[in-house]
Amino acid sequence: SEGIINNIEIENTKFDALDADFSQLIINNLYVESSGNDCSDFSYGDYKIKNAKLKNCGDKAVSVGEMSNMNIDKLIVENSVTGVASKDNSITKINKGNLSNLEICLSAYKKKQEFGGSKMTINNLICENYVTKFYSDSNSEIFLNN
């Protein structure tokens, strides 16, 4: 798919709330609350999110994988296992992130053997009440510009 979506609002899902694959999407406003797994999951595509507020995610608030490019202007995450995960040859860029009550704020890694690591860049990060602020494996990098 390709296109521009003005608003997405999703509440109370058992599994992934939003799952986009093989797409080129611009999402102006994304709101997800109470997902049993990932609040948002993106793979094999190019994605841009202008504003996202993701709360009570059972796993990742934002999962970017399989050679995707993700750009997020403003991200708010509350009460999730992982704030943002970039994996498997993906490039994730975040302009402003406010994350709280997480096990891991940001993670970048190689998950599947057929891919390499990933890169994440974040310009303005506030991360509060977490166990681990950053996780990256030897194949991946996280760049923080505060």
C-alpha atoms as a PDB file:
ATOM      1  CA  SER A   1       0.000   0.000   0.000  1.00  0.00           C
ATOM      2  CA  GLU A   2       0.999   3.606  -0.359  1.00  0.00           C
ATOM      3  CA  GLY A   3      -0.619   6.825   0.708  1.00  0.00           C
ATOM      4  CA  ILE A   4      -1.333   9.331   3.451  1.00  0.00           C
ATOM      5  CA  ILE A   5      -3.484   8.509   6.472  1.00  0.00           C
ATOM      6  CA  ASN A   6      -4.644  11.422   8.603  1.00  0.00           C
ATOM      7  CA  ASN A   7      -5.746   9.614  11.785  1.00  0.00           C
ATOM      8  CA  ILE A   8      -5.488   6.092  13.148  1.00  0.00           C
ATOM      9  CA  GLU A   9      -7.029   5.313  16.548  1.00  0.00           C
ATOM     10  CA  ILE A  10      -6.906   1.771  17.907  1.00  0.00           C
ATOM     11  CA  GLU A  11      -7.874   0.538  21.383  1.00  0.00           C
ATOM     12  CA  ASN A  12      -7.963  -2.817  23.196  1.00  0.00           C
ATOM     13  CA  THR A  13      -6.453  -5.363  20.805  1.00  0.00           C
ATOM     14  CA  LYS A  14      -5.363  -8.896  21.676  1.00  0.00           C
ATOM     15  CA  PHE A  15      -2.367  -8.914  19.324  1.00  0.00           C
ATOM     16  CA  ASP A  16      -0.549  -6.257  17.242  1.00  0.00           C
ATOM     17  CA  ALA A  17      -2.679  -3.141  16.973  1.00  0.00           C
ATOM     18  CA  LEU A  18      -1.249  -1.781  13.696  1.00  0.00           C
ATOM     19  CA  ASP A  19       0.763  -4.033  11.368  1.00  0.00           C
ATOM     20  CA  ALA A  20       2.017  -2.537   8.085  1.00  0.00           C
ATOM     21  CA  ASP A  21       4.123  -4.525   5.610  1.00  0.00           C
ATOM     22  CA  PHE A  22       5.433  -3.763   2.100  1.00  0.00           C
ATOM     23  CA  SER A  23       4.074  -0.207   2.214  1.00  0.00           C
ATOM     24  CA  GLN A  24       4.963   3.434   1.715  1.00  0.00           C
ATOM     25  CA  LEU A  25       2.863   5.337   4.225  1.00  0.00           C
ATOM     26  CA  ILE A  26       2.668   8.751   5.839  1.00  0.00           C
ATOM     27  CA  ILE A  27       0.611   8.735   9.033  1.00  0.00           C
ATOM     28  CA  ASN A  28      -0.230  12.153  10.449  1.00  0.00           C
ATOM     29  CA  ASN A  29      -1.639  11.015  13.814  1.00  0.00           C
ATOM     30  CA  LEU A  30      -1.373   7.565  15.375  1.00  0.00           C
ATOM     31  CA  TYR A  31      -3.001   6.745  18.705  1.00  0.00           C
ATOM     32  CA  VAL A  32      -2.946   3.241  20.184  1.00  0.00           C
ATOM     33  CA  GLU A  33      -3.974   2.234  23.687  1.00  0.00           C
ATOM     34  CA  SER A  34      -3.889  -1.251  25.221  1.00  0.00           C
ATOM     35  CA  SER A  35      -2.443  -3.723  22.762  1.00  0.00           C
ATOM     36  CA  GLY A  36      -1.772  -7.327  23.728  1.00  0.00           C
ATOM     37  CA  ASN A  37       1.454  -7.316  21.698  1.00  0.00           C
ATOM     38  CA  ASP A  38       3.058  -4.513  19.619  1.00  0.00           C
ATOM     39  CA  CYS A  39       1.185  -1.222  19.398  1.00  0.00           C
ATOM     40  CA  SER A  40       2.672  -0.699  15.919  1.00  0.00           C
ATOM     41  CA  ASP A  41       4.719  -3.015  13.706  1.00  0.00           C
ATOM     42  CA  PHE A  42       6.295  -1.985  10.389  1.00  0.00           C
ATOM     43  CA  SER A  43       8.331  -4.048   7.924  1.00  0.00           C
ATOM     44  CA  TYR A  44       9.601  -4.024   4.320  1.00  0.00           C
ATOM     45  CA  GLY A  45       8.706  -0.402   3.589  1.00  0.00           C
ATOM     46  CA  ASP A  46       9.130   3.334   3.996  1.00  0.00           C
ATOM     47  CA  TYR A  47       7.143   4.984   6.748  1.00  0.00           C
ATOM     48  CA  LYS A  48       6.716   8.467   8.207  1.00  0.00           C
ATOM     49  CA  ILE A  49       4.720   9.253  11.335  1.00  0.00           C
ATOM     50  CA  LYS A  50       4.172  12.878  12.308  1.00  0.00           C
ATOM     51  CA  ASN A  51       2.614  12.359  15.771  1.00  0.00           C
ATOM     52  CA  ALA A  52       2.243   9.118  17.706  1.00  0.00           C
ATOM     53  CA  LYS A  53       0.932   8.420  21.191  1.00  0.00           C
ATOM     54  CA  LEU A  54       1.166   4.777  22.202  1.00  0.00           C
ATOM     55  CA  LYS A  55       0.089   3.515  25.633  1.00  0.00           C
ATOM     56  CA  ASN A  56      -0.028   0.157  27.395  1.00  0.00           C
ATOM     57  CA  CYS A  57       1.681  -1.944  24.723  1.00  0.00           C
ATOM     58  CA  GLY A  58       2.150  -5.613  25.642  1.00  0.00           C
ATOM     59  CA  ASP A  59       5.531  -5.705  23.870  1.00  0.00           C
ATOM     60  CA  LYS A  60       6.950  -2.945  21.641  1.00  0.00           C
ATOM     61  CA  ALA A  61       5.362   0.461  21.161  1.00  0.00           C
ATOM     62  CA  VAL A  62       7.083   0.807  17.755  1.00  0.00           C
ATOM     63  CA  SER A  63       8.675  -2.167  15.996  1.00  0.00           C
ATOM     64  CA  VAL A  64      10.569  -1.473  12.763  1.00  0.00           C
ATOM     65  CA  GLY A  65      12.039  -4.437  10.882  1.00  0.00           C
ATOM     66  CA  GLU A  66      13.058  -6.136   7.672  1.00  0.00           C
ATOM     67  CA  MET A  67      14.833  -3.380   5.722  1.00  0.00           C
ATOM     68  CA  SER A  68      12.386  -0.593   6.601  1.00  0.00           C
ATOM     69  CA  ASN A  69      12.996   3.123   6.804  1.00  0.00           C
ATOM     70  CA  MET A  70      11.060   4.881   9.558  1.00  0.00           C
ATOM     71  CA  ASN A  71      10.891   8.601  10.351  1.00  0.00           C
ATOM     72  CA  ILE A  72       8.937   9.770  13.395  1.00  0.00           C
ATOM     73  CA  ASP A  73       8.554  13.474  14.148  1.00  0.00           C
ATOM     74  CA  LYS A  74       7.005  13.288  17.645  1.00  0.00           C
ATOM     75  CA  LEU A  75       6.607  10.120  19.722  1.00  0.00           C
ATOM     76  CA  ILE A  76       5.012   9.635  23.136  1.00  0.00           C
ATOM     77  CA  VAL A  77       5.148   6.166  24.703  1.00  0.00           C
ATOM     78  CA  GLU A  78       3.771   5.162  28.102  1.00  0.00           C
ATOM     79  CA  ASN A  79       3.726   1.785  29.851  1.00  0.00           C
ATOM     80  CA  SER A  80       5.239  -0.685  27.396  1.00  0.00           C
ATOM     81  CA  VAL A  81       7.921  -3.344  27.461  1.00  0.00           C
ATOM     82  CA  THR A  82      10.046  -1.657  24.753  1.00  0.00           C
ATOM     83  CA  GLY A  83       9.652   1.883  23.451  1.00  0.00           C
ATOM     84  CA  VAL A  84      11.194   1.549  19.984  1.00  0.00           C
ATOM     85  CA  ALA A  85      12.890  -1.472  18.399  1.00  0.00           C
ATOM     86  CA  SER A  86      14.765  -1.184  15.100  1.00  0.00           C
ATOM     87  CA  LYS A  87      15.956  -4.486  13.678  1.00  0.00           C
ATOM     88  CA  ASP A  88      17.090  -6.421  10.624  1.00  0.00           C
ATOM     89  CA  ASN A  89      18.668  -3.810   8.314  1.00  0.00           C
ATOM     90  CA  SER A  90      16.185  -1.093   9.268  1.00  0.00           C
ATOM     91  CA  ILE A  91      16.927   2.591   9.725  1.00  0.00           C
ATOM     92  CA  THR A  92      14.831   4.451  12.291  1.00  0.00           C
ATOM     93  CA  LYS A  93      14.970   8.222  12.851  1.00  0.00           C
ATOM     94  CA  ILE A  94      13.083  10.001  15.624  1.00  0.00           C
ATOM     95  CA  ASN A  95      13.036  13.767  15.984  1.00  0.00           C
ATOM     96  CA  LYS A  96      11.472  14.009  19.467  1.00  0.00           C
ATOM     97  CA  GLY A  97      10.669  11.180  21.859  1.00  0.00           C
ATOM     98  CA  ASN A  98       9.094  11.205  25.301  1.00  0.00           C
ATOM     99  CA  LEU A  99       9.054   7.667  26.719  1.00  0.00           C
ATOM    100  CA  SER A 100       8.132   6.500  30.215  1.00  0.00           C
ATOM    101  CA  ASN A 101       7.530   3.362  32.271  1.00  0.00           C
ATOM    102  CA  LEU A 102       9.405   0.847  30.105  1.00  0.00           C
ATOM    103  CA  GLU A 103      11.736  -2.099  30.452  1.00  0.00           C
ATOM    104  CA  ILE A 104      13.835  -0.877  27.467  1.00  0.00           C
ATOM    105  CA  CYS A 105      13.630   2.630  25.987  1.00  0.00           C
ATOM    106  CA  LEU A 106      15.399   2.005  22.653  1.00  0.00           C
ATOM    107  CA  SER A 107      16.788  -1.162  21.072  1.00  0.00           C
ATOM    108  CA  ALA A 108      18.592  -1.877  17.807  1.00  0.00           C
ATOM    109  CA  TYR A 109      19.578  -5.395  16.823  1.00  0.00           C
ATOM    110  CA  LYS A 110      19.728  -8.222  14.322  1.00  0.00           C
ATOM    111  CA  LYS A 111      16.875 -10.653  14.942  1.00  0.00           C
ATOM    112  CA  LYS A 112      16.771 -12.862  11.845  1.00  0.00           C
ATOM    113  CA  GLN A 113      19.893 -14.524  10.454  1.00  0.00           C
ATOM    114  CA  GLU A 114      19.241 -13.461   6.838  1.00  0.00           C
ATOM    115  CA  PHE A 115      19.548  -9.775   7.795  1.00  0.00           C
ATOM    116  CA  GLY A 116      22.154  -7.503   9.307  1.00  0.00           C
ATOM    117  CA  GLY A 117      21.886  -5.077  12.187  1.00  0.00           C
ATOM    118  CA  SER A 118      20.052  -1.781  12.266  1.00  0.00           C
ATOM    119  CA  LYS A 119      20.570   1.906  12.979  1.00  0.00           C
ATOM    120  CA  MET A 120      18.552   4.297  15.071  1.00  0.00           C
ATOM    121  CA  THR A 121      18.999   8.056  15.445  1.00  0.00           C
ATOM    122  CA  ILE A 122      17.047  10.137  17.935  1.00  0.00           C
ATOM    123  CA  ASN A 123      17.444  13.898  18.250  1.00  0.00           C
ATOM    124  CA  ASN A 124      15.601  14.766  21.469  1.00  0.00           C
ATOM    125  CA  LEU A 125      14.929  11.992  23.970  1.00  0.00           C
ATOM    126  CA  ILE A 126      13.323  12.010  27.364  1.00  0.00           C
ATOM    127  CA  CYS A 127      13.142   8.518  28.844  1.00  0.00           C
ATOM    128  CA  GLU A 128      11.913   8.096  32.409  1.00  0.00           C
ATOM    129  CA  ASN A 129      11.261   5.098  34.668  1.00  0.00           C
ATOM    130  CA  TYR A 130      13.042   2.349  32.721  1.00  0.00           C
ATOM    131  CA  VAL A 131      15.155  -0.720  33.476  1.00  0.00           C
ATOM    132  CA  THR A 132      17.505  -0.421  30.449  1.00  0.00           C
ATOM    133  CA  LYS A 133      17.840   2.831  28.508  1.00  0.00           C
ATOM    134  CA  PHE A 134      19.559   1.465  25.366  1.00  0.00           C
ATOM    135  CA  TYR A 135      20.213  -1.993  23.985  1.00  0.00           C
ATOM    136  CA  SER A 136      22.162  -2.651  20.794  1.00  0.00           C
ATOM    137  CA  ASP A 137      24.043  -5.699  19.597  1.00  0.00           C
ATOM    138  CA  SER A 138      27.436  -5.700  17.835  1.00  0.00           C
ATOM    139  CA  ASN A 139      25.751  -5.350  14.417  1.00  0.00           C
ATOM    140  CA  SER A 140      23.719  -2.247  15.296  1.00  0.00           C
ATOM    141  CA  GLU A 141      24.028   1.368  16.451  1.00  0.00           C
ATOM    142  CA  ILE A 142      21.960   3.897  18.363  1.00  0.00           C
ATOM    143  CA  PHE A 143      22.848   7.592  17.951  1.00  0.00           C
ATOM    144  CA  LEU A 144      21.500  10.034  20.511  1.00  0.00           C
ATOM    145  CA  ASN A 145      21.585  13.779  19.799  1.00  0.00           C
ATOM    146  CA  ASN A 146      20.165  15.642  22.797  1.00  0.00           C
END
